[in-house]
Amino acid sequence: GPPGTSSVAHGFLITRHSQT
């Protein structure tokens, strides 16, 4: 995949965790 995909996914998971 394009560079940064892992970082974006990781950040997304962190955001989700923070919201919950």
N, C-alpha and C. Protein backbone atom coordinates (compact mmCIF):
# COMPACT_ATOMS: atom_id res chain seq x y z
N GLY A 1 0.82 -1.21 0.00
CA GLY A 1 0.00 0.00 0.00
C GLY A 1 0.85 1.25 0.00
N PRO A 2 0.24 2.42 -0.11
CA PRO A 2 0.98 3.69 -0.11
C PRO A 2 1.66 3.94 1.22
N PRO A 3 2.77 4.69 1.22
CA PRO A 3 3.49 4.98 2.47
C PRO A 3 2.62 5.77 3.44
N GLY A 4 2.66 5.37 4.69
CA GLY A 4 1.89 6.09 5.70
C GLY A 4 0.59 5.38 6.04
N THR A 5 0.28 4.32 5.30
CA THR A 5 -0.98 3.61 5.57
C THR A 5 -0.99 3.07 7.00
N SER A 6 0.11 2.45 7.39
CA SER A 6 0.19 1.88 8.73
C SER A 6 0.03 2.96 9.79
N SER A 7 0.70 4.09 9.56
CA SER A 7 0.63 5.19 10.52
C SER A 7 -0.79 5.71 10.65
N VAL A 8 -1.47 5.86 9.52
CA VAL A 8 -2.85 6.35 9.51
C VAL A 8 -3.75 5.38 10.27
N ALA A 9 -3.62 4.10 9.97
CA ALA A 9 -4.43 3.08 10.63
C ALA A 9 -4.16 3.09 12.12
N HIS A 10 -2.89 3.22 12.50
CA HIS A 10 -2.52 3.22 13.91
C HIS A 10 -3.12 4.43 14.62
N GLY A 11 -3.01 5.58 13.98
CA GLY A 11 -3.57 6.81 14.54
C GLY A 11 -5.08 6.71 14.67
N PHE A 12 -5.71 6.08 13.68
CA PHE A 12 -7.16 5.91 13.71
C PHE A 12 -7.57 5.06 14.90
N LEU A 13 -6.84 3.97 15.12
CA LEU A 13 -7.15 3.09 16.24
C LEU A 13 -6.97 3.82 17.56
N ILE A 14 -5.92 4.63 17.65
CA ILE A 14 -5.67 5.40 18.87
C ILE A 14 -6.82 6.38 19.11
N THR A 15 -7.27 7.02 18.03
CA THR A 15 -8.38 7.98 18.16
C THR A 15 -9.62 7.26 18.64
N ARG A 16 -9.90 6.12 18.07
CA ARG A 16 -11.06 5.33 18.46
C ARG A 16 -10.99 4.98 19.94
N HIS A 17 -9.82 4.53 20.36
CA HIS A 17 -9.61 4.13 21.75
C HIS A 17 -9.78 5.33 22.67
N SER A 18 -9.32 6.49 22.21
CA SER A 18 -9.40 7.69 23.03
C SER A 18 -10.85 8.14 23.17
N GLN A 19 -11.62 8.02 22.09
CA GLN A 19 -13.03 8.41 22.12
C GLN A 19 -13.82 7.52 23.07
N THR A 20 -13.51 6.23 23.05
CA THR A 20 -14.24 5.29 23.88
C THR A 20 -13.69 5.38 25.30
